[in-house]
PDB file of N, CA and C in Angstrom:
ATOM      1  N   MET A   1      29.013-267.190  -8.979  1.00  0.00           N
ATOM      2  CA  MET A   1      28.421-268.328  -9.893  1.00  0.00           C
ATOM      3  C   MET A   1      26.941-268.330  -9.529  1.00  0.00           C
ATOM      4  N   GLY A   2      26.250-268.142  -8.240  1.00  0.00           N
ATOM      5  CA  GLY A   2      24.796-268.378  -7.898  1.00  0.00           C
ATOM      6  C   GLY A   2      24.339-266.966  -8.707  1.00  0.00           C
ATOM      7  N   LEU A   3      24.826-265.721  -8.997  1.00  0.00           N
ATOM      8  CA  LEU A   3      24.354-264.631  -9.579  1.00  0.00           C
ATOM      9  C   LEU A   3      23.980-264.925 -10.736  1.00  0.00           C
ATOM     10  N   ALA A   4      25.129-265.336 -11.527  1.00  0.00           N
ATOM     11  CA  ALA A   4      25.350-265.697 -12.957  1.00  0.00           C
ATOM     12  C   ALA A   4      24.220-266.644 -13.472  1.00  0.00           C
ATOM     13  N   ALA A   5      24.123-267.683 -12.420  1.00  0.00           N
ATOM     14  CA  ALA A   5      23.331-268.585 -13.084  1.00  0.00           C
ATOM     15  C   ALA A   5      21.643-267.853 -12.764  1.00  0.00           C
ATOM     16  N   ASP A   6      21.471-267.030 -11.947  1.00  0.00           N
ATOM     17  CA  ASP A   6      19.875-266.587 -11.636  1.00  0.00           C
ATOM     18  C   ASP A   6      19.782-265.727 -12.842  1.00  0.00           C
ATOM     19  N   LEU A   7      20.340-264.903 -13.155  1.00  0.00           N
ATOM     20  CA  LEU A   7      20.830-264.249 -14.241  1.00  0.00           C
ATOM     21  C   LEU A   7      19.974-264.805 -15.560  1.00  0.00           C
ATOM     22  N   ARG A   8      20.910-265.835 -15.956  1.00  0.00           N
ATOM     23  CA  ARG A   8      20.841-266.687 -17.109  1.00  0.00           C
ATOM     24  C   ARG A   8      19.271-267.369 -16.854  1.00  0.00           C
ATOM     25  N   PHE A   9      19.105-267.901 -15.751  1.00  0.00           N
ATOM     26  CA  PHE A   9      17.329-268.167 -15.835  1.00  0.00           C
ATOM     27  C   PHE A   9      16.461-267.402 -15.661  1.00  0.00           C
ATOM     28  N   ALA A  10      16.531-266.025 -15.351  1.00  0.00           N
ATOM     29  CA  ALA A  10      15.488-264.996 -15.779  1.00  0.00           C
ATOM     30  C   ALA A  10      15.291-264.914 -17.005  1.00  0.00           C
ATOM     31  N   LEU A  11      16.774-264.382 -17.668  1.00  0.00           N
ATOM     32  CA  LEU A  11      16.774-264.151 -19.283  1.00  0.00           C
ATOM     33  C   LEU A  11      15.976-265.087 -19.785  1.00  0.00           C
ATOM     34  N   ARG A  12      16.326-266.384 -19.561  1.00  0.00           N
ATOM     35  CA  ARG A  12      15.506-267.681 -20.434  1.00  0.00           C
ATOM     36  C   ARG A  12      14.101-267.616 -20.230  1.00  0.00           C
ATOM     37  N   GLY A  13      13.723-267.141 -19.219  1.00  0.00           N
ATOM     38  CA  GLY A  13      12.178-266.873 -18.776  1.00  0.00           C
ATOM     39  C   GLY A  13      11.824-266.015 -19.498  1.00  0.00           C
ATOM     40  N   LEU A  14      12.607-265.009 -19.709  1.00  0.00           N
ATOM     41  CA  LEU A  14      11.937-263.535 -19.919  1.00  0.00           C
ATOM     42  C   LEU A  14      11.658-263.875 -21.404  1.00  0.00           C
ATOM     43  N   ARG A  15      12.700-264.272 -22.283  1.00  0.00           N
ATOM     44  CA  ARG A  15      12.616-265.017 -23.340  1.00  0.00           C
ATOM     45  C   ARG A  15      11.709-265.617 -23.942  1.00  0.00           C
ATOM     46  N   ARG A  16      11.216-266.500 -22.953  1.00  0.00           N
ATOM     47  CA  ARG A  16      10.156-267.700 -23.039  1.00  0.00           C
ATOM     48  C   ARG A  16       8.763-266.885 -23.431  1.00  0.00           C
ATOM     49  N   ARG A  17       8.244-265.883 -22.409  1.00  0.00           N
ATOM     50  CA  ARG A  17       7.300-265.136 -22.480  1.00  0.00           C
ATOM     51  C   ARG A  17       7.408-263.732 -22.852  1.00  0.00           C
ATOM     52  N   PRO A  18       7.220-263.246 -24.173  1.00  0.00           N
ATOM     53  CA  PRO A  18       7.572-262.100 -24.583  1.00  0.00           C
ATOM     54  C   PRO A  18       6.480-260.947 -24.029  1.00  0.00           C
ATOM     55  N   GLY A  19       5.179-261.659 -23.901  1.00  0.00           N
ATOM     56  CA  GLY A  19       4.332-260.712 -23.910  1.00  0.00           C
ATOM     57  C   GLY A  19       4.272-260.075 -22.006  1.00  0.00           C
ATOM     58  N   PHE A  20       4.801-261.298 -21.317  1.00  0.00           N
ATOM     59  CA  PHE A  20       5.122-260.633 -19.795  1.00  0.00           C
ATOM     60  C   PHE A  20       5.891-259.773 -19.492  1.00  0.00           C
ATOM     61  N   THR A  21       6.837-260.137 -20.470  1.00  0.00           N
ATOM     62  CA  THR A  21       8.264-259.189 -20.988  1.00  0.00           C
ATOM     63  C   THR A  21       7.828-257.671 -20.742  1.00  0.00           C
ATOM     64  N   ALA A  22       6.974-257.363 -22.047  1.00  0.00           N
ATOM     65  CA  ALA A  22       6.395-256.201 -22.650  1.00  0.00           C
ATOM     66  C   ALA A  22       5.999-255.452 -21.532  1.00  0.00           C
ATOM     67  N   VAL A  23       4.957-256.401 -20.648  1.00  0.00           N
ATOM     68  CA  VAL A  23       3.953-255.674 -19.619  1.00  0.00           C
ATOM     69  C   VAL A  23       4.952-255.358 -18.555  1.00  0.00           C
ATOM     70  N   ALA A  24       5.956-256.198 -18.417  1.00  0.00           N
ATOM     71  CA  ALA A  24       6.814-255.776 -17.135  1.00  0.00           C
ATOM     72  C   ALA A  24       8.144-254.752 -17.201  1.00  0.00           C
ATOM     73  N   VAL A  25       8.165-254.611 -18.431  1.00  0.00           N
ATOM     74  CA  VAL A  25       9.303-253.626 -18.815  1.00  0.00           C
ATOM     75  C   VAL A  25       8.507-252.093 -18.905  1.00  0.00           C
ATOM     76  N   ALA A  26       7.049-252.350 -19.309  1.00  0.00           N
ATOM     77  CA  ALA A  26       6.246-251.204 -19.673  1.00  0.00           C
ATOM     78  C   ALA A  26       6.410-250.859 -18.474  1.00  0.00           C
ATOM     79  N   THR A  27       5.659-251.732 -17.527  1.00  0.00           N
ATOM     80  CA  THR A  27       5.574-251.165 -15.723  1.00  0.00           C
ATOM     81  C   THR A  27       6.691-250.515 -15.406  1.00  0.00           C
ATOM     82  N   LEU A  28       7.503-251.211 -15.288  1.00  0.00           N
ATOM     83  CA  LEU A  28       9.107-250.369 -14.636  1.00  0.00           C
ATOM     84  C   LEU A  28       9.247-248.860 -15.380  1.00  0.00           C
ATOM     85  N   ALA A  29       9.106-248.888 -17.095  1.00  0.00           N
ATOM     86  CA  ALA A  29       9.596-247.450 -17.482  1.00  0.00           C
ATOM     87  C   ALA A  29       8.398-246.532 -16.717  1.00  0.00           C
ATOM     88  N   LEU A  30       6.931-246.824 -16.634  1.00  0.00           N
ATOM     89  CA  LEU A  30       5.872-246.069 -16.035  1.00  0.00           C
ATOM     90  C   LEU A  30       6.287-245.794 -14.781  1.00  0.00           C
ATOM     91  N   GLY A  31       6.762-246.655 -14.196  1.00  0.00           N
ATOM     92  CA  GLY A  31       7.378-246.538 -12.535  1.00  0.00           C
ATOM     93  C   GLY A  31       8.221-245.235 -12.251  1.00  0.00           C
ATOM     94  N   ILE A  32       9.439-245.483 -13.121  1.00  0.00           N
ATOM     95  CA  ILE A  32      10.739-244.771 -13.183  1.00  0.00           C
ATOM     96  C   ILE A  32      10.000-243.764 -13.582  1.00  0.00           C
ATOM     97  N   GLY A  33       9.511-243.361 -14.298  1.00  0.00           N
ATOM     98  CA  GLY A  33       9.314-241.732 -15.420  1.00  0.00           C
ATOM     99  C   GLY A  33       7.937-241.373 -14.328  1.00  0.00           C
ATOM    100  N   ALA A  34       7.371-241.900 -13.358  1.00  0.00           N
ATOM    101  CA  ALA A  34       6.821-241.213 -12.901  1.00  0.00           C
ATOM    102  C   ALA A  34       7.230-240.638 -11.650  1.00  0.00           C
ATOM    103  N   ASN A  35       7.995-241.453 -10.793  1.00  0.00           N
ATOM    104  CA  ASN A  35       8.667-241.066  -9.547  1.00  0.00           C
ATOM    105  C   ASN A  35       9.740-240.068 -10.170  1.00  0.00           C
ATOM    106  N   ALA A  36      10.340-239.969 -11.342  1.00  0.00           N
ATOM    107  CA  ALA A  36      11.447-239.284 -11.681  1.00  0.00           C
ATOM    108  C   ALA A  36      10.538-237.693 -11.882  1.00  0.00           C
ATOM    109  N   ALA A  37       9.588-237.741 -12.314  1.00  0.00           N
ATOM    110  CA  ALA A  37       8.596-236.634 -12.540  1.00  0.00           C
ATOM    111  C   ALA A  37       7.966-235.803 -10.942  1.00  0.00           C
ATOM    112  N   MET A  38       7.832-236.809 -10.206  1.00  0.00           N
ATOM    113  CA  MET A  38       7.857-236.643  -8.993  1.00  0.00           C
ATOM    114  C   MET A  38       8.793-236.006  -8.382  1.00  0.00           C
ATOM    115  N   PHE A  39       9.962-236.243  -8.382  1.00  0.00           N
ATOM    116  CA  PHE A  39      11.015-235.623  -7.566  1.00  0.00           C
ATOM    117  C   PHE A  39      11.708-234.462  -8.407  1.00  0.00           C
ATOM    118  N   ALA A  40      11.093-234.323  -9.310  1.00  0.00           N
ATOM    119  CA  ALA A  40      11.578-233.097 -10.304  1.00  0.00           C
ATOM    120  C   ALA A  40      10.610-232.355  -9.480  1.00  0.00           C
ATOM    121  N   LEU A  41       9.201-232.290  -9.523  1.00  0.00           N
ATOM    122  CA  LEU A  41       8.269-231.565  -9.219  1.00  0.00           C
ATOM    123  C   LEU A  41       8.520-230.811  -7.863  1.00  0.00           C
ATOM    124  N   VAL A  42       8.979-231.806  -6.760  1.00  0.00           N
ATOM    125  CA  VAL A  42       9.122-231.468  -5.666  1.00  0.00           C
ATOM    126  C   VAL A  42      10.631-231.166  -5.249  1.00  0.00           C
ATOM    127  N   ASP A  43      11.312-231.258  -6.557  1.00  0.00           N
ATOM    128  CA  ASP A  43      12.774-230.385  -6.217  1.00  0.00           C
ATOM    129  C   ASP A  43      12.282-229.155  -6.441  1.00  0.00           C
ATOM    130  N   ALA A  44      11.618-228.628  -7.414  1.00  0.00           N
ATOM    131  CA  ALA A  44      11.529-227.398  -7.961  1.00  0.00           C
ATOM    132  C   ALA A  44      10.454-226.680  -7.114  1.00  0.00           C
ATOM    133  N   ILE A  45       9.491-227.352  -6.337  1.00  0.00           N
ATOM    134  CA  ILE A  45       8.591-226.623  -5.591  1.00  0.00           C
ATOM    135  C   ILE A  45       9.316-226.332  -4.113  1.00  0.00           C
ATOM    136  N   ALA A  46       9.765-227.410  -3.390  1.00  0.00           N
ATOM    137  CA  ALA A  46      10.370-227.507  -2.041  1.00  0.00           C
ATOM    138  C   ALA A  46      11.744-226.996  -1.693  1.00  0.00           C
ATOM    139  N   PHE A  47      12.771-227.236  -2.402  1.00  0.00           N
ATOM    140  CA  PHE A  47      14.041-227.202  -2.371  1.00  0.00           C
ATOM    141  C   PHE A  47      14.652-226.268  -2.945  1.00  0.00           C
ATOM    142  N   ARG A  48      14.687-225.687  -4.220  1.00  0.00           N
ATOM    143  CA  ARG A  48      14.761-224.645  -5.027  1.00  0.00           C
ATOM    144  C   ARG A  48      14.740-223.151  -4.311  1.00  0.00           C
ATOM    145  N   PRO A  49      15.731-222.460  -4.383  1.00  0.00           N
ATOM    146  CA  PRO A  49      15.179-221.228  -3.767  1.00  0.00           C
ATOM    147  C   PRO A  49      14.092-220.399  -4.725  1.00  0.00           C
ATOM    148  N   LEU A  50      13.222-219.188  -4.131  1.00  0.00           N
ATOM    149  CA  LEU A  50      12.459-218.742  -4.715  1.00  0.00           C
ATOM    150  C   LEU A  50      13.122-217.914  -5.624  1.00  0.00           C
ATOM    151  N   PRO A  51      12.904-217.626  -7.121  1.00  0.00           N
ATOM    152  CA  PRO A  51      13.438-216.401  -7.640  1.00  0.00           C
ATOM    153  C   PRO A  51      13.418-214.920  -7.297  1.00  0.00           C
ATOM    154  N   VAL A  52      13.677-214.695  -6.195  1.00  0.00           N
ATOM    155  CA  VAL A  52      13.196-213.393  -5.784  1.00  0.00           C
ATOM    156  C   VAL A  52      14.313-212.827  -4.763  1.00  0.00           C
ATOM    157  N   ARG A  53      14.551-211.757  -4.530  1.00  0.00           N
ATOM    158  CA  ARG A  53      15.839-210.951  -3.673  1.00  0.00           C
ATOM    159  C   ARG A  53      15.567-211.465  -2.587  1.00  0.00           C
ATOM    160  N   ALA A  54      14.875-211.109  -1.754  1.00  0.00           N
ATOM    161  CA  ALA A  54      14.750-211.459  -0.109  1.00  0.00           C
ATOM    162  C   ALA A  54      13.407-212.652  -0.267  1.00  0.00           C
ATOM    163  N   PRO A  55      13.613-213.876  -0.239  1.00  0.00           N
ATOM    164  CA  PRO A  55      12.374-214.428   0.054  1.00  0.00           C
ATOM    165  C   PRO A  55      11.960-214.920   1.184  1.00  0.00           C
ATOM    166  N   GLU A  56      12.283-214.665   2.407  1.00  0.00           N
ATOM    167  CA  GLU A  56      11.827-214.745   3.849  1.00  0.00           C
ATOM    168  C   GLU A  56      11.272-213.289   4.126  1.00  0.00           C
ATOM    169  N   GLN A  57      11.104-212.261   3.118  1.00  0.00           N
ATOM    170  CA  GLN A  57      10.389-211.209   3.345  1.00  0.00           C
ATOM    171  C   GLN A  57       9.026-211.286   2.739  1.00  0.00           C
ATOM    172  N   LEU A  58       8.598-212.224   2.087  1.00  0.00           N
ATOM    173  CA  LEU A  58       7.533-212.806   1.406  1.00  0.00           C
ATOM    174  C   LEU A  58       6.560-213.066   2.086  1.00  0.00           C
ATOM    175  N   VAL A  59       4.842-212.504   1.779  1.00  0.00           N
ATOM    176  CA  VAL A  59       3.943-212.698   2.713  1.00  0.00           C
ATOM    177  C   VAL A  59       2.886-213.017   1.882  1.00  0.00           C
ATOM    178  N   ALA A  60       2.243-213.672   2.614  1.00  0.00           N
ATOM    179  CA  ALA A  60       0.994-213.913   2.095  1.00  0.00           C
ATOM    180  C   ALA A  60      -0.705-213.491   2.456  1.00  0.00           C
ATOM    181  N   LEU A  61      -1.583-212.898   1.845  1.00  0.00           N
ATOM    182  CA  LEU A  61      -2.365-211.934   2.176  1.00  0.00           C
ATOM    183  C   LEU A  61      -3.599-212.410   1.889  1.00  0.00           C
ATOM    184  N   PHE A  62      -4.569-212.548   2.769  1.00  0.00           N
ATOM    185  CA  PHE A  62      -5.954-213.239   3.045  1.00  0.00           C
ATOM    186  C   PHE A  62      -6.845-212.314   3.406  1.00  0.00           C
ATOM    187  N   ALA A  63      -8.314-212.121   2.602  1.00  0.00           N
ATOM    188  CA  ALA A  63      -9.241-211.241   3.482  1.00  0.00           C
ATOM    189  C   ALA A  63     -10.740-212.366   3.781  1.00  0.00           C
ATOM    190  N   SER A  64     -10.873-211.360   4.698  1.00  0.00           N
ATOM    191  CA  SER A  64     -12.209-212.597   5.703  1.00  0.00           C
ATOM    192  C   SER A  64     -13.545-211.551   5.691  1.00  0.00           C
ATOM    193  N   ARG A  65     -14.528-212.734   5.614  1.00  0.00           N
ATOM    194  CA  ARG A  65     -15.633-211.833   5.619  1.00  0.00           C
ATOM    195  C   ARG A  65     -16.753-212.773   6.393  1.00  0.00           C
ATOM    196  N   PRO A  66     -17.498-212.320   6.732  1.00  0.00           N
ATOM    197  CA  PRO A  66     -18.580-213.463   7.632  1.00  0.00           C
ATOM    198  C   PRO A  66     -19.045-214.519   6.592  1.00  0.00           C
ATOM    199  N   ASP A  67     -19.430-214.020   5.518  1.00  0.00           N
ATOM    200  CA  ASP A  67     -20.308-215.357   4.501  1.00  0.00           C
ATOM    201  C   ASP A  67     -18.832-216.133   3.974  1.00  0.00           C
ATOM    202  N   ALA A  68     -17.889-215.481   3.778  1.00  0.00           N
ATOM    203  CA  ALA A  68     -16.625-216.027   3.647  1.00  0.00           C
ATOM    204  C   ALA A  68     -15.236-216.381   4.098  1.00  0.00           C
ATOM    205  N   PRO A  69     -15.203-216.999   5.278  1.00  0.00           N
ATOM    206  CA  PRO A  69     -14.710-217.017   6.296  1.00  0.00           C
ATOM    207  C   PRO A  69     -12.677-216.858   5.727  1.00  0.00           C
ATOM    208  N   VAL A  70     -12.463-217.228   4.800  1.00  0.00           N
ATOM    209  CA  VAL A  70     -10.707-217.189   4.001  1.00  0.00           C
ATOM    210  C   VAL A  70     -10.936-216.740   2.362  1.00  0.00           C
ATOM    211  N   MET A  71     -10.659-216.121   1.939  1.00  0.00           N
ATOM    212  CA  MET A  71     -10.795-215.751   0.595  1.00  0.00           C
ATOM    213  C   MET A  71      -9.439-215.594   0.098  1.00  0.00           C
ATOM    214  N   GLY A  72      -9.054-215.480  -1.053  1.00  0.00           N
ATOM    215  CA  GLY A  72      -7.584-215.216  -1.696  1.00  0.00           C
ATOM    216  C   GLY A  72      -8.000-213.529  -1.901  1.00  0.00           C
ATOM    217  N   PHE A  73      -6.834-212.880  -1.859  1.00  0.00           N
ATOM    218  CA  PHE A  73      -6.740-211.572  -2.336  1.00  0.00           C
ATOM    219  C   PHE A  73      -5.833-211.377  -3.165  1.00  0.00           C
ATOM    220  N   SER A  74      -6.550-210.294  -4.096  1.00  0.00           N
ATOM    221  CA  SER A  74      -5.974-210.030  -5.386  1.00  0.00           C
ATOM    222  C   SER A  74      -5.236-208.970  -5.138  1.00  0.00           C
ATOM    223  N   PHE A  75      -4.361-208.951  -6.462  1.00  0.00           N
ATOM    224  CA  PHE A  75      -3.478-207.734  -6.440  1.00  0.00           C
ATOM    225  C   PHE A  75      -4.585-206.275  -6.372  1.00  0.00           C
ATOM    226  N   PRO A  76      -5.321-206.124  -7.112  1.00  0.00           N
ATOM    227  CA  PRO A  76      -6.124-204.789  -6.873  1.00  0.00           C
ATOM    228  C   PRO A  76      -6.613-204.550  -5.434  1.00  0.00           C
ATOM    229  N   ASP A  77      -6.994-205.545  -4.860  1.00  0.00           N
ATOM    230  CA  ASP A  77      -7.450-205.202  -3.371  1.00  0.00           C
ATOM    231  C   ASP A  77      -6.166-204.800  -2.665  1.00  0.00           C
ATOM    232  N   TYR A  78      -4.784-205.092  -3.064  1.00  0.00           N
ATOM    233  CA  TYR A  78      -4.003-204.889  -2.365  1.00  0.00           C
ATOM    234  C   TYR A  78      -3.714-203.614  -2.400  1.00  0.00           C
ATOM    235  N   ARG A  79      -3.407-202.830  -4.124  1.00  0.00           N
ATOM    236  CA  ARG A  79      -3.434-201.849  -4.165  1.00  0.00           C
ATOM    237  C   ARG A  79      -4.193-200.622  -3.613  1.00  0.00           C
ATOM    238  N   ASP A  80      -5.654-201.052  -3.749  1.00  0.00           N
ATOM    239  CA  ASP A  80      -6.700-199.929  -2.566  1.00  0.00           C
ATOM    240  C   ASP A  80      -6.434-199.992  -1.069  1.00  0.00           C
ATOM    241  N   LEU A  81      -5.655-201.251  -0.657  1.00  0.00           N
ATOM    242  CA  LEU A  81      -5.406-200.893   0.583  1.00  0.00           C
ATOM    243  C   LEU A  81      -4.062-200.375   0.863  1.00  0.00           C
ATOM    244  N   ARG A  82      -2.983-200.132   0.040  1.00  0.00           N
ATOM    245  CA  ARG A  82      -1.852-199.449   0.080  1.00  0.00           C
ATOM    246  C   ARG A  82      -2.177-198.255  -0.447  1.00  0.00           C
ATOM    247  N   ASP A  83      -3.081-197.859  -1.106  1.00  0.00           N
ATOM    248  CA  ASP A  83      -3.403-196.529  -1.176  1.00  0.00           C
ATOM    249  C   ASP A  83      -4.088-195.645  -0.378  1.00  0.00           C
ATOM    250  N   GLY A  84      -4.527-196.553   0.437  1.00  0.00           N
ATOM    251  CA  GLY A  84      -5.940-196.031   1.710  1.00  0.00           C
ATOM    252  C   GLY A  84      -7.114-195.756   1.140  1.00  0.00           C
ATOM    253  N   ILE A  85      -7.532-196.469  -0.148  1.00  0.00           N
ATOM    254  CA  ILE A  85      -8.985-196.454  -0.464  1.00  0.00           C
ATOM    255  C   ILE A  85     -10.010-197.119   0.191  1.00  0.00           C
TER     256      ILE A  85
END
C-alpha cells in the first residue's frame, strides 16, 4: 500500500511539472547511455581476448635516445633491426 501511494504521488507530481519531467528523463537517458558506452568500451578493451593466435607472446617495443627517453617504435624500425641493418 505504501509503495503504490508513493508511486501515485510521484506520477502526479511529474504530470504537474512537465518541464522538470523532461529534464529528469533526459538526464537519466544521458547518464544511462554514457554508462552503457563506457561499459562497452571497457569490455572491448580489457575483457575480450585479442584476435591473435598467441596473445601471451605479444610484446611492445620502445626505443630510447638521450634527447627523447621513450619513443614509439615504428614497423620500419622493427624491419631494420630484424634484418640487421
